[in-house]
Amino acid sequence: MASKLYVGNLPHSTTDAGLNEFVTNAGYQVASALVIRDKITGQPRGFGFVELAEGEDLQRAIGSLNGQALEGRALTVNEARPQRASLSASGGGGRYRDNRRRDY
Protein backbone atom coordinates (compact mmCIF):
# COMPACT_ATOMS: atom_id res chain seq x y z
CA MET A 1 0.00 0.00 0.00
CA ALA A 2 1.36 3.43 -0.93
CA SER A 3 1.93 6.00 1.80
CA LYS A 4 1.21 9.71 1.61
CA LEU A 5 3.22 12.48 3.24
CA TYR A 6 2.11 16.00 4.11
CA VAL A 7 4.94 18.46 3.45
CA GLY A 8 4.47 21.91 5.00
CA ASN A 9 6.40 25.20 5.03
CA LEU A 10 7.27 24.86 1.35
CA PRO A 11 8.80 27.89 -0.35
CA HIS A 12 6.21 29.47 -2.66
CA SER A 13 8.54 28.89 -5.61
CA THR A 14 8.32 25.09 -5.21
CA THR A 15 6.72 23.19 -8.08
CA ASP A 16 5.33 19.66 -8.24
CA ALA A 17 8.50 18.59 -10.07
CA GLY A 18 10.71 20.37 -7.52
CA LEU A 19 8.99 18.62 -4.60
CA ASN A 20 9.29 15.28 -6.40
CA GLU A 21 13.00 15.90 -7.04
CA PHE A 22 13.65 16.91 -3.41
CA VAL A 23 12.14 13.68 -2.02
CA THR A 24 13.76 11.55 -4.73
CA ASN A 25 17.18 13.08 -3.97
CA ALA A 26 16.63 12.16 -0.31
CA GLY A 27 16.57 8.52 -1.42
CA TYR A 28 12.86 7.73 -1.73
CA GLN A 29 10.85 6.53 -4.69
CA VAL A 30 7.95 8.86 -5.39
CA ALA A 31 4.66 7.82 -6.99
CA SER A 32 3.36 11.42 -7.13
CA ALA A 33 4.02 14.88 -5.74
CA LEU A 34 1.55 17.75 -5.64
CA VAL A 35 1.99 21.33 -4.41
CA ILE A 36 -1.41 22.69 -3.35
CA ARG A 37 -2.46 25.94 -5.00
CA ASP A 38 -5.13 28.52 -4.20
CA LYS A 39 -8.24 27.83 -6.30
CA ILE A 40 -8.73 31.49 -7.20
CA THR A 41 -5.23 32.92 -7.61
CA GLY A 42 -3.33 29.78 -8.55
CA GLN A 43 -0.57 30.74 -6.12
CA PRO A 44 1.09 27.95 -4.08
CA ARG A 45 -0.30 27.69 -0.54
CA GLY A 46 2.97 26.57 1.06
CA PHE A 47 2.22 22.87 1.45
CA GLY A 48 1.87 19.74 -0.61
CA PHE A 49 1.57 15.99 -0.63
CA VAL A 50 3.95 13.26 -1.71
CA GLU A 51 2.79 9.73 -2.34
CA LEU A 52 5.62 7.29 -1.82
CA ALA A 53 6.01 4.25 -4.05
CA GLU A 54 5.01 0.78 -2.86
CA GLY A 55 7.34 -0.61 -0.22
CA GLU A 56 8.74 2.72 1.00
CA ASP A 57 8.83 3.12 4.79
CA LEU A 58 6.61 6.04 5.72
CA GLN A 59 7.98 6.53 9.25
CA ARG A 60 11.58 6.42 8.02
CA ALA A 61 10.76 9.02 5.36
CA ILE A 62 9.09 11.28 7.94
CA GLY A 63 12.08 10.95 10.27
CA SER A 64 14.63 11.81 7.61
CA LEU A 65 12.70 14.57 5.79
CA ASN A 66 11.11 16.43 8.73
CA GLY A 67 13.19 19.53 9.47
CA GLN A 68 15.21 19.30 6.24
CA ALA A 69 15.74 22.65 4.52
CA LEU A 70 14.40 23.43 1.07
CA GLU A 71 15.49 26.83 -0.22
CA GLY A 72 16.32 27.86 3.33
CA ARG A 73 12.99 26.79 4.86
CA ALA A 74 12.76 23.94 7.37
CA LEU A 75 10.06 21.56 6.17
CA THR A 76 7.35 20.03 8.33
CA VAL A 77 6.72 16.45 7.24
CA ASN A 78 3.97 14.25 8.68
CA GLU A 79 1.71 11.43 7.60
CA ALA A 80 -1.09 12.90 5.50
CA ARG A 81 -4.54 12.66 7.03
CA PRO A 82 -7.71 12.03 5.02
CA GLN A 83 -9.29 15.19 3.63
CA ARG A 84 -12.12 16.60 5.73
CA ALA A 85 -15.46 17.27 4.09
CA SER A 86 -15.82 20.94 3.30
CA LEU A 87 -18.62 22.94 4.90
CA SER A 88 -20.29 23.52 1.55
CA ALA A 89 -20.31 19.81 0.79
CA SER A 90 -21.92 18.98 4.12
CA GLY A 91 -24.55 21.66 3.81
CA GLY A 92 -23.52 23.12 7.17
CA GLY A 93 -21.83 26.31 8.11
CA GLY A 94 -24.83 28.60 7.84
CA ARG A 95 -26.25 30.56 10.72
CA TYR A 96 -29.48 29.60 12.37
CA ARG A 97 -32.21 31.77 10.97
CA ASP A 98 -35.10 32.69 13.21
CA ASN A 99 -38.07 33.53 10.99
CA ARG A 100 -40.38 34.56 13.81
CA ARG A 101 -41.75 38.05 13.54
CA ARG A 102 -40.29 40.54 15.94
CA ASP A 103 -42.29 43.52 17.18
CA TYR A 104 -39.91 45.73 19.04
PDB file of N, CA and C in Angstrom:
ATOM      1  N   MET A   1       0.833  -1.174   0.000  1.00  0.00           N
ATOM      2  CA  MET A   1       0.000   0.000   0.000  1.00  0.00           C
ATOM      3  C   MET A   1       0.881   1.241   0.000  1.00  0.00           C
ATOM      4  N   ALA A   2       0.589   2.194  -0.849  1.00  0.00           N
ATOM      5  CA  ALA A   2       1.358   3.425  -0.933  1.00  0.00           C
ATOM      6  C   ALA A   2       1.084   4.284   0.293  1.00  0.00           C
ATOM      7  N   SER A   3       2.049   5.122   0.638  1.00  0.00           N
ATOM      8  CA  SER A   3       1.931   6.001   1.802  1.00  0.00           C
ATOM      9  C   SER A   3       2.007   7.438   1.342  1.00  0.00           C
ATOM     10  N   LYS A   4       1.250   8.309   2.008  1.00  0.00           N
ATOM     11  CA  LYS A   4       1.211   9.708   1.607  1.00  0.00           C
ATOM     12  C   LYS A   4       1.747  10.593   2.721  1.00  0.00           C
ATOM     13  N   LEU A   5       2.628  11.518   2.326  1.00  0.00           N
ATOM     14  CA  LEU A   5       3.222  12.482   3.244  1.00  0.00           C
ATOM     15  C   LEU A   5       2.607  13.853   3.044  1.00  0.00           C
ATOM     16  N   TYR A   6       2.426  14.576   4.145  1.00  0.00           N
ATOM     17  CA  TYR A   6       2.109  15.996   4.114  1.00  0.00           C
ATOM     18  C   TYR A   6       3.439  16.716   4.247  1.00  0.00           C
ATOM     19  N   VAL A   7       3.701  17.684   3.387  1.00  0.00           N
ATOM     20  CA  VAL A   7       4.935  18.460   3.455  1.00  0.00           C
ATOM     21  C   VAL A   7       4.545  19.927   3.582  1.00  0.00           C
ATOM     22  N   GLY A   8       4.841  20.523   4.732  1.00  0.00           N
ATOM     23  CA  GLY A   8       4.471  21.906   4.997  1.00  0.00           C
ATOM     24  C   GLY A   8       5.674  22.831   5.035  1.00  0.00           C
ATOM     25  N   ASN A   9       5.403  24.121   5.024  1.00  0.00           N
ATOM     26  CA  ASN A   9       6.398  25.201   5.033  1.00  0.00           C
ATOM     27  C   ASN A   9       7.226  25.208   3.746  1.00  0.00           C
ATOM     28  N   LEU A  10       6.579  24.847   2.644  1.00  0.00           N
ATOM     29  CA  LEU A  10       7.272  24.859   1.354  1.00  0.00           C
ATOM     30  C   LEU A  10       7.483  26.300   0.885  1.00  0.00           C
ATOM     31  N   PRO A  11       8.623  26.579   0.276  1.00  0.00           N
ATOM     32  CA  PRO A  11       8.795  27.890  -0.352  1.00  0.00           C
ATOM     33  C   PRO A  11       7.741  28.043  -1.453  1.00  0.00           C
ATOM     34  N   HIS A  12       7.259  29.256  -1.664  1.00  0.00           N
ATOM     35  CA  HIS A  12       6.208  29.472  -2.660  1.00  0.00           C
ATOM     36  C   HIS A  12       6.691  29.264  -4.090  1.00  0.00           C
ATOM     37  N   SER A  13       7.994  29.148  -4.272  1.00  0.00           N
ATOM     38  CA  SER A  13       8.541  28.892  -5.608  1.00  0.00           C
ATOM     39  C   SER A  13       8.590  27.397  -5.939  1.00  0.00           C
ATOM     40  N   THR A  14       8.247  26.540  -4.998  1.00  0.00           N
ATOM     41  CA  THR A  14       8.317  25.090  -5.207  1.00  0.00           C
ATOM     42  C   THR A  14       7.235  24.626  -6.176  1.00  0.00           C
ATOM     43  N   THR A  15       7.640  23.787  -7.112  1.00  0.00           N
ATOM     44  CA  THR A  15       6.716  23.193  -8.082  1.00  0.00           C
ATOM     45  C   THR A  15       6.505  21.725  -7.744  1.00  0.00           C
ATOM     46  N   ASP A  16       5.549  21.098  -8.418  1.00  0.00           N
ATOM     47  CA  ASP A  16       5.335  19.657  -8.242  1.00  0.00           C
ATOM     48  C   ASP A  16       6.627  18.902  -8.545  1.00  0.00           C
ATOM     49  N   ALA A  17       7.267  19.264  -9.657  1.00  0.00           N
ATOM     50  CA  ALA A  17       8.503  18.595 -10.069  1.00  0.00           C
ATOM     51  C   ALA A  17       9.625  18.842  -9.052  1.00  0.00           C
ATOM     52  N   GLY A  18       9.680  20.050  -8.506  1.00  0.00           N
ATOM     53  CA  GLY A  18      10.710  20.367  -7.520  1.00  0.00           C
ATOM     54  C   GLY A  18      10.533  19.578  -6.233  1.00  0.00           C
ATOM     55  N   LEU A  19       9.288  19.414  -5.793  1.00  0.00           N
ATOM     56  CA  LEU A  19       8.994  18.623  -4.600  1.00  0.00           C
ATOM     57  C   LEU A  19       9.336  17.157  -4.847  1.00  0.00           C
ATOM     58  N   ASN A  20       8.971  16.656  -6.024  1.00  0.00           N
ATOM     59  CA  ASN A  20       9.292  15.285  -6.403  1.00  0.00           C
ATOM     60  C   ASN A  20      10.803  15.076  -6.388  1.00  0.00           C
ATOM     61  N   GLU A  21      11.537  16.001  -6.972  1.00  0.00           N
ATOM     62  CA  GLU A  21      12.998  15.902  -7.038  1.00  0.00           C
ATOM     63  C   GLU A  21      13.621  15.945  -5.636  1.00  0.00           C
ATOM     64  N   PHE A  22      13.121  16.798  -4.766  1.00  0.00           N
ATOM     65  CA  PHE A  22      13.650  16.907  -3.408  1.00  0.00           C
ATOM     66  C   PHE A  22      13.539  15.576  -2.664  1.00  0.00           C
ATOM     67  N   VAL A  23      12.365  14.944  -2.729  1.00  0.00           N
ATOM     68  CA  VAL A  23      12.144  13.676  -2.019  1.00  0.00           C
ATOM     69  C   VAL A  23      12.927  12.549  -2.684  1.00  0.00           C
ATOM     70  N   THR A  24      12.984  12.554  -4.003  1.00  0.00           N
ATOM     71  CA  THR A  24      13.760  11.546  -4.727  1.00  0.00           C
ATOM     72  C   THR A  24      15.245  11.653  -4.378  1.00  0.00           C
ATOM     73  N   ASN A  25      15.771  12.870  -4.316  1.00  0.00           N
ATOM     74  CA  ASN A  25      17.184  13.078  -3.967  1.00  0.00           C
ATOM     75  C   ASN A  25      17.480  12.666  -2.531  1.00  0.00           C
ATOM     76  N   ALA A  26      16.456  12.610  -1.688  1.00  0.00           N
ATOM     77  CA  ALA A  26      16.632  12.155  -0.309  1.00  0.00           C
ATOM     78  C   ALA A  26      16.663  10.629  -0.233  1.00  0.00           C
ATOM     79  N   GLY A  27      16.439   9.963  -1.371  1.00  0.00           N
ATOM     80  CA  GLY A  27      16.565   8.516  -1.419  1.00  0.00           C
ATOM     81  C   GLY A  27      15.261   7.743  -1.413  1.00  0.00           C
ATOM     82  N   TYR A  28      14.163   8.387  -1.725  1.00  0.00           N
ATOM     83  CA  TYR A  28      12.858   7.725  -1.727  1.00  0.00           C
ATOM     84  C   TYR A  28      12.269   7.699  -3.121  1.00  0.00           C
ATOM     85  N   GLN A  29      11.554   6.623  -3.421  1.00  0.00           N
ATOM     86  CA  GLN A  29      10.852   6.533  -4.694  1.00  0.00           C
ATOM     87  C   GLN A  29       9.486   7.192  -4.538  1.00  0.00           C
ATOM     88  N   VAL A  30       9.172   8.075  -5.465  1.00  0.00           N
ATOM     89  CA  VAL A  30       7.948   8.860  -5.385  1.00  0.00           C
ATOM     90  C   VAL A  30       6.961   8.401  -6.452  1.00  0.00           C
ATOM     91  N   ALA A  31       5.718   8.157  -6.037  1.00  0.00           N
ATOM     92  CA  ALA A  31       4.662   7.823  -6.987  1.00  0.00           C
ATOM     93  C   ALA A  31       4.053   9.108  -7.544  1.00  0.00           C
ATOM     94  N   SER A  32       3.889  10.130  -6.679  1.00  0.00           N
ATOM     95  CA  SER A  32       3.360  11.415  -7.127  1.00  0.00           C
ATOM     96  C   SER A  32       3.711  12.496  -6.109  1.00  0.00           C
ATOM     97  N   ALA A  33       3.774  13.723  -6.605  1.00  0.00           N
ATOM     98  CA  ALA A  33       4.018  14.881  -5.740  1.00  0.00           C
ATOM     99  C   ALA A  33       3.130  16.016  -6.231  1.00  0.00           C
ATOM    100  N   LEU A  34       2.488  16.697  -5.289  1.00  0.00           N
ATOM    101  CA  LEU A  34       1.553  17.755  -5.641  1.00  0.00           C
ATOM    102  C   LEU A  34       1.691  18.924  -4.668  1.00  0.00           C
ATOM    103  N   VAL A  35       1.982  20.105  -5.203  1.00  0.00           N
ATOM    104  CA  VAL A  35       1.992  21.333  -4.414  1.00  0.00           C
ATOM    105  C   VAL A  35       0.585  21.918  -4.512  1.00  0.00           C
ATOM    106  N   ILE A  36      -0.034  22.184  -3.369  1.00  0.00           N
ATOM    107  CA  ILE A  36      -1.409  22.686  -3.348  1.00  0.00           C
ATOM    108  C   ILE A  36      -1.416  24.174  -3.669  1.00  0.00           C
ATOM    109  N   ARG A  37      -2.350  24.552  -4.546  1.00  0.00           N
ATOM    110  CA  ARG A  37      -2.460  25.940  -5.001  1.00  0.00           C
ATOM    111  C   ARG A  37      -3.825  26.509  -4.640  1.00  0.00           C
ATOM    112  N   ASP A  38      -3.883  27.815  -4.466  1.00  0.00           N
ATOM    113  CA  ASP A  38      -5.129  28.516  -4.203  1.00  0.00           C
ATOM    114  C   ASP A  38      -6.036  28.372  -5.415  1.00  0.00           C
ATOM    115  N   LYS A  39      -7.303  28.053  -5.199  1.00  0.00           N
ATOM    116  CA  LYS A  39      -8.242  27.834  -6.303  1.00  0.00           C
ATOM    117  C   LYS A  39      -8.478  29.088  -7.136  1.00  0.00           C
ATOM    118  N   ILE A  40      -8.426  30.240  -6.496  1.00  0.00           N
ATOM    119  CA  ILE A  40      -8.732  31.491  -7.197  1.00  0.00           C
ATOM    120  C   ILE A  40      -7.499  32.098  -7.850  1.00  0.00           C
ATOM    121  N   THR A  41      -6.418  32.238  -7.086  1.00  0.00           N
ATOM    122  CA  THR A  41      -5.229  32.924  -7.606  1.00  0.00           C
ATOM    123  C   THR A  41      -4.243  32.002  -8.300  1.00  0.00           C
ATOM    124  N   GLY A  42      -4.288  30.717  -7.978  1.00  0.00           N
ATOM    125  CA  GLY A  42      -3.331  29.780  -8.553  1.00  0.00           C
ATOM    126  C   GLY A  42      -1.972  29.808  -7.869  1.00  0.00           C
ATOM    127  N   GLN A  43      -1.837  30.627  -6.835  1.00  0.00           N
ATOM    128  CA  GLN A  43      -0.568  30.736  -6.116  1.00  0.00           C
ATOM    129  C   GLN A  43      -0.393  29.542  -5.179  1.00  0.00           C
ATOM    130  N   PRO A  44       0.844  29.054  -5.022  1.00  0.00           N
ATOM    131  CA  PRO A  44       1.089  27.950  -4.079  1.00  0.00           C
ATOM    132  C   PRO A  44       0.695  28.352  -2.660  1.00  0.00           C
ATOM    133  N   ARG A  45       0.157  27.413  -1.901  1.00  0.00           N
ATOM    134  CA  ARG A  45      -0.303  27.692  -0.542  1.00  0.00           C
ATOM    135  C   ARG A  45       0.735  27.340   0.514  1.00  0.00           C
ATOM    136  N   GLY A  46       1.899  26.835   0.103  1.00  0.00           N
ATOM    137  CA  GLY A  46       2.973  26.568   1.060  1.00  0.00           C
ATOM    138  C   GLY A  46       2.987  25.155   1.619  1.00  0.00           C
ATOM    139  N   PHE A  47       2.178  24.265   1.031  1.00  0.00           N
ATOM    140  CA  PHE A  47       2.218  22.867   1.451  1.00  0.00           C
ATOM    141  C   PHE A  47       1.868  21.975   0.281  1.00  0.00           C
ATOM    142  N   GLY A  48       2.159  20.694   0.446  1.00  0.00           N
ATOM    143  CA  GLY A  48       1.869  19.743  -0.613  1.00  0.00           C
ATOM    144  C   GLY A  48       1.836  18.332  -0.077  1.00  0.00           C
ATOM    145  N   PHE A  49       1.661  17.392  -0.992  1.00  0.00           N
ATOM    146  CA  PHE A  49       1.573  15.990  -0.627  1.00  0.00           C
ATOM    147  C   PHE A  49       2.470  15.169  -1.541  1.00  0.00           C
ATOM    148  N   VAL A  50       3.104  14.171  -0.949  1.00  0.00           N
ATOM    149  CA  VAL A  50       3.950  13.258  -1.710  1.00  0.00           C
ATOM    150  C   VAL A  50       3.474  11.847  -1.427  1.00  0.00           C
ATOM    151  N   GLU A  51       3.154  11.135  -2.481  1.00  0.00           N
ATOM    152  CA  GLU A  51       2.788   9.734  -2.338  1.00  0.00           C
ATOM    153  C   GLU A  51       4.024   8.909  -2.635  1.00  0.00           C
ATOM    154  N   LEU A  52       4.437   8.128  -1.643  1.00  0.00           N
ATOM    155  CA  LEU A  52       5.617   7.294  -1.815  1.00  0.00           C
ATOM    156  C   LEU A  52       5.255   6.026  -2.579  1.00  0.00           C
ATOM    157  N   ALA A  53       6.226   5.481  -3.288  1.00  0.00           N
ATOM    158  CA  ALA A  53       6.013   4.254  -4.051  1.00  0.00           C
ATOM    159  C   ALA A  53       5.804   3.078  -3.103  1.00  0.00           C
ATOM    160  N   GLU A  54       5.233   2.014  -3.625  1.00  0.00           N
ATOM    161  CA  GLU A  54       5.012   0.785  -2.862  1.00  0.00           C
ATOM    162  C   GLU A  54       6.303   0.350  -2.182  1.00  0.00           C
ATOM    163  N   GLY A  55       6.194  -0.066  -0.934  1.00  0.00           N
ATOM    164  CA  GLY A  55       7.337  -0.609  -0.219  1.00  0.00           C
ATOM    165  C   GLY A  55       8.190   0.417   0.507  1.00  0.00           C
ATOM    166  N   GLU A  56       7.960   1.699   0.283  1.00  0.00           N
ATOM    167  CA  GLU A  56       8.736   2.722   0.999  1.00  0.00           C
ATOM    168  C   GLU A  56       8.244   2.811   2.437  1.00  0.00           C
ATOM    169  N   ASP A  57       9.150   3.031   3.363  1.00  0.00           N
ATOM    170  CA  ASP A  57       8.833   3.117   4.786  1.00  0.00           C
ATOM    171  C   ASP A  57       8.426   4.538   5.145  1.00  0.00           C
ATOM    172  N   LEU A  58       7.157   4.718   5.435  1.00  0.00           N
ATOM    173  CA  LEU A  58       6.606   6.039   5.724  1.00  0.00           C
ATOM    174  C   LEU A  58       7.287   6.686   6.934  1.00  0.00           C
ATOM    175  N   GLN A  59       7.396   5.957   8.030  1.00  0.00           N
ATOM    176  CA  GLN A  59       7.979   6.529   9.246  1.00  0.00           C
ATOM    177  C   GLN A  59       9.447   6.896   9.055  1.00  0.00           C
ATOM    178  N   ARG A  60      10.175   6.107   8.302  1.00  0.00           N
ATOM    179  CA  ARG A  60      11.581   6.425   8.016  1.00  0.00           C
ATOM    180  C   ARG A  60      11.670   7.687   7.172  1.00  0.00           C
ATOM    181  N   ALA A  61      10.780   7.824   6.206  1.00  0.00           N
ATOM    182  CA  ALA A  61      10.761   9.021   5.363  1.00  0.00           C
ATOM    183  C   ALA A  61      10.432  10.264   6.195  1.00  0.00           C
ATOM    184  N   ILE A  62       9.448  10.147   7.075  1.00  0.00           N
ATOM    185  CA  ILE A  62       9.090  11.281   7.936  1.00  0.00           C
ATOM    186  C   ILE A  62      10.287  11.671   8.793  1.00  0.00           C
ATOM    187  N   GLY A  63      10.933  10.689   9.401  1.00  0.00           N
ATOM    188  CA  GLY A  63      12.079  10.953  10.265  1.00  0.00           C
ATOM    189  C   GLY A  63      13.236  11.618   9.557  1.00  0.00           C
ATOM    190  N   SER A  64      13.468  11.241   8.318  1.00  0.00           N
ATOM    191  CA  SER A  64      14.628  11.810   7.614  1.00  0.00           C
ATOM    192  C   SER A  64      14.307  13.124   6.903  1.00  0.00           C
ATOM    193  N   LEU A  65      13.055  13.349   6.528  1.00  0.00           N
ATOM    194  CA  LEU A  65      12.701  14.571   5.790  1.00  0.00           C
ATOM    195  C   LEU A  65      12.235  15.715   6.694  1.00  0.00           C
ATOM    196  N   ASN A  66      11.614  15.391   7.839  1.00  0.00           N
ATOM    197  CA  ASN A  66      11.109  16.429   8.731  1.00  0.00           C
ATOM    198  C   ASN A  66      12.266  17.296   9.230  1.00  0.00           C
ATOM    199  N   GLY A  67      12.148  18.599   9.038  1.00  0.00           N
ATOM    200  CA  GLY A  67      13.190  19.531   9.469  1.00  0.00           C
ATOM    201  C   GLY A  67      14.248  19.820   8.413  1.00  0.00           C
ATOM    202  N   GLN A  68      14.250  19.044   7.324  1.00  0.00           N
ATOM    203  CA  GLN A  68      15.208  19.303   6.243  1.00  0.00           C
ATOM    204  C   GLN A  68      14.891  20.654   5.607  1.00  0.00           C
ATOM    205  N   ALA A  69      15.926  21.331   5.126  1.00  0.00           N
ATOM    206  CA  ALA A  69      15.742  22.646   4.518  1.00  0.00           C
ATOM    207  C   ALA A  69      15.561  22.531   3.009  1.00  0.00           C
ATOM    208  N   LEU A  70      14.606  23.283   2.501  1.00  0.00           N
ATOM    209  CA  LEU A  70      14.404  23.428   1.066  1.00  0.00           C
ATOM    210  C   LEU A  70      14.365  24.922   0.803  1.00  0.00           C
ATOM    211  N   GLU A  71      15.342  25.403   0.056  1.00  0.00           N
ATOM    212  CA  GLU A  71      15.487  26.828  -0.225  1.00  0.00           C
ATOM    213  C   GLU A  71      15.479  27.652   1.067  1.00  0.00           C
ATOM    214  N   GLY A  72      16.170  27.136   2.073  1.00  0.00           N
ATOM    215  CA  GLY A  72      16.319  27.860   3.330  1.00  0.00           C
ATOM    216  C   GLY A  72      15.154  27.741   4.299  1.00  0.00           C
ATOM    217  N   ARG A  73      14.151  26.952   3.971  1.00  0.00           N
ATOM    218  CA  ARG A  73      12.988  26.794   4.857  1.00  0.00           C
ATOM    219  C   ARG A  73      12.947  25.380   5.409  1.00  0.00           C
ATOM    220  N   ALA A  74      12.836  25.255   6.726  1.00  0.00           N
ATOM    221  CA  ALA A  74      12.759  23.941   7.372  1.00  0.00           C
ATOM    222  C   ALA A  74      11.366  23.356   7.124  1.00  0.00           C
ATOM    223  N   LEU A  75      11.328  22.188   6.522  1.00  0.00           N
ATOM    224  CA  LEU A  75      10.058  21.560   6.171  1.00  0.00           C
ATOM    225  C   LEU A  75       9.429  20.849   7.361  1.00  0.00           C
ATOM    226  N   THR A  76       8.118  20.818   7.377  1.00  0.00           N
ATOM    227  CA  THR A  76       7.355  20.029   8.334  1.00  0.00           C
ATOM    228  C   THR A  76       6.788  18.855   7.561  1.00  0.00           C
ATOM    229  N   VAL A  77       7.167  17.647   7.960  1.00  0.00           N
ATOM    230  CA  VAL A  77       6.721  16.451   7.241  1.00  0.00           C
ATOM    231  C   VAL A  77       6.017  15.519   8.221  1.00  0.00           C
ATOM    232  N   ASN A  78       4.793  15.158   7.873  1.00  0.00           N
ATOM    233  CA  ASN A  78       3.968  14.254   8.683  1.00  0.00           C
ATOM    234  C   ASN A  78       3.238  13.291   7.758  1.00  0.00           C
ATOM    235  N   GLU A  79       2.597  12.298   8.379  1.00  0.00           N
ATOM    236  CA  GLU A  79       1.711  11.432   7.603  1.00  0.00           C
ATOM    237  C   GLU A  79       0.483  12.249   7.222  1.00  0.00           C
ATOM    238  N   ALA A  80       0.098  12.172   5.964  1.00  0.00           N
ATOM    239  CA  ALA A  80      -1.087  12.897   5.495  1.00  0.00           C
ATOM    240  C   ALA A  80      -2.328  12.268   6.105  1.00  0.00           C
ATOM    241  N   ARG A  81      -3.262  13.121   6.498  1.00  0.00           N
ATOM    242  CA  ARG A  81      -4.541  12.662   7.032  1.00  0.00           C
ATOM    243  C   ARG A  81      -5.588  12.746   5.937  1.00  0.00           C
ATOM    244  N   PRO A  82      -6.649  11.947   6.029  1.00  0.00           N
ATOM    245  CA  PRO A  82      -7.713  12.033   5.015  1.00  0.00           C
ATOM    246  C   PRO A  82      -8.306  13.436   4.986  1.00  0.00           C
ATOM    247  N   GLN A  83      -8.714  13.865   3.811  1.00  0.00           N
ATOM    248  CA  GLN A  83      -9.293  15.187   3.629  1.00  0.00           C
ATOM    249  C   GLN A  83     -10.636  15.265   4.346  1.00  0.00           C
ATOM    250  N   ARG A  84     -10.838  16.371   5.056  1.00  0.00           N
ATOM    251  CA  ARG A  84     -12.123  16.595   5.730  1.00  0.00           C
ATOM    252  C   ARG A  84     -13.140  17.072   4.702  1.00  0.00           C
ATOM    253  N   ALA A  85     -14.393  16.769   4.963  1.00  0.00           N
ATOM    254  CA  ALA A  85     -15.462  17.268   4.093  1.00  0.00           C
ATOM    255  C   ALA A  85     -15.561  18.771   4.286  1.00  0.00           C
ATOM    256  N   SER A  86     -15.699  19.490   3.200  1.00  0.00           N
ATOM    257  CA  SER A  86     -15.825  20.940   3.304  1.00  0.00           C
ATOM    258  C   SER A  86     -17.204  21.295   3.827  1.00  0.00           C
ATOM    259  N   LEU A  87     -17.333  22.504   4.365  1.00  0.00           N
ATOM    260  CA  LEU A  87     -18.624  22.936   4.897  1.00  0.00           C
ATOM    261  C   LEU A  87     -19.680  22.990   3.813  1.00  0.00           C
ATOM    262  N   SER A  88     -19.302  23.421   2.616  1.00  0.00           N
ATOM    263  CA  SER A  88     -20.288  23.524   1.546  1.00  0.00           C
ATOM    264  C   SER A  88     -20.777  22.148   1.109  1.00  0.00           C
ATOM    265  N   ALA A  89     -19.921  21.159   1.185  1.00  0.00           N
ATOM    266  CA  ALA A  89     -20.314  19.808   0.787  1.00  0.00           C
ATOM    267  C   ALA A  89     -21.254  19.189   1.821  1.00  0.00           C
ATOM    268  N   SER A  90     -21.089  19.567   3.079  1.00  0.00           N
ATOM    269  CA  SER A  90     -21.915  18.977   4.122  1.00  0.00           C
ATOM    270  C   SER A  90     -23.237  19.716   4.300  1.00  0.00           C
ATOM    271  N   GLY A  91     -23.335  20.894   3.679  1.00  0.00           N
ATOM    272  CA  GLY A  91     -24.549  21.661   3.806  1.00  0.00           C
ATOM    273  C   GLY A  91     -24.596  22.483   5.086  1.00  0.00           C
ATOM    274  N   GLY A  92     -23.559  22.396   5.896  1.00  0.00           N
ATOM    275  CA  GLY A  92     -23.522  23.123   7.166  1.00  0.00           C
ATOM    276  C   GLY A  92     -22.842  24.467   7.003  1.00  0.00           C
ATOM    277  N   GLY A  93     -22.579  25.074   8.115  1.00  0.00           N
ATOM    278  CA  GLY A  93     -21.830  26.314   8.107  1.00  0.00           C
ATOM    279  C   GLY A  93     -22.689  27.556   8.110  1.00  0.00           C
ATOM    280  N   GLY A  94     -23.972  27.426   7.849  1.00  0.00           N
ATOM    281  CA  GLY A  94     -24.832  28.596   7.839  1.00  0.00           C
ATOM    282  C   GLY A  94     -25.304  28.942   9.242  1.00  0.00           C
ATOM    283  N   ARG A  95     -25.730  30.159   9.418  1.00  0.00           N
ATOM    284  CA  ARG A  95     -26.248  30.562  10.720  1.00  0.00           C
ATOM    285  C   ARG A  95     -27.704  30.139  10.856  1.00  0.00           C
ATOM    286  N   TYR A  96     -28.085  29.906  12.092  1.00  0.00           N
ATOM    287  CA  TYR A  96     -29.480  29.597  12.367  1.00  0.00           C
ATOM    288  C   TYR A  96     -30.311  30.835  12.051  1.00  0.00           C
ATOM    289  N   ARG A  97     -31.371  30.636  11.348  1.00  0.00           N
ATOM    290  CA  ARG A  97     -32.213  31.774  10.973  1.00  0.00           C
ATOM    291  C   ARG A  97     -33.545  31.656  11.702  1.00  0.00           C
ATOM    292  N   ASP A  98     -33.853  32.658  12.462  1.00  0.00           N
ATOM    293  CA  ASP A  98     -35.096  32.690  13.211  1.00  0.00           C
ATOM    294  C   ASP A  98     -36.099  33.505  12.397  1.00  0.00           C
ATOM    295  N   ASN A  99     -37.102  32.857  11.864  1.00  0.00           N
ATOM    296  CA  ASN A  99     -38.067  33.525  10.992  1.00  0.00           C
ATOM    297  C   ASN A  99     -39.277  34.073  11.733  1.00  0.00           C
ATOM    298  N   ARG A 100     -39.256  34.019  13.056  1.00  0.00           N
ATOM    299  CA  ARG A 100     -40.384  34.560  13.808  1.00  0.00           C
ATOM    300  C   ARG A 100     -40.406  36.078  13.687  1.00  0.00           C
ATOM    301  N   ARG A 101     -41.591  36.602  13.651  1.00  0.00           N
ATOM    302  CA  ARG A 101     -41.752  38.053  13.538  1.00  0.00           C
ATOM    303  C   ARG A 101     -41.393  38.719  14.860  1.00  0.00           C
ATOM    304  N   ARG A 102     -40.684  39.801  14.751  1.00  0.00           N
ATOM    305  CA  ARG A 102     -40.287  40.538  15.941  1.00  0.00           C
ATOM    306  C   ARG A 102     -40.977  41.907  15.931  1.00  0.00           C
ATOM    307  N   ASP A 103     -41.657  42.213  17.008  1.00  0.00           N
ATOM    308  CA  ASP A 103     -42.292  43.515  17.176  1.00  0.00           C
ATOM    309  C   ASP A 103     -41.619  44.228  18.334  1.00  0.00           C
ATOM    310  N   TYR A 104     -40.660  45.025  18.005  1.00  0.00           N
ATOM    311  CA  TYR A 104     -39.910  45.726  19.043  1.00  0.00           C
ATOM    312  C   TYR A 104     -40.448  47.098  19.214  1.00  0.00           C
TER     313      TYR A 104
END
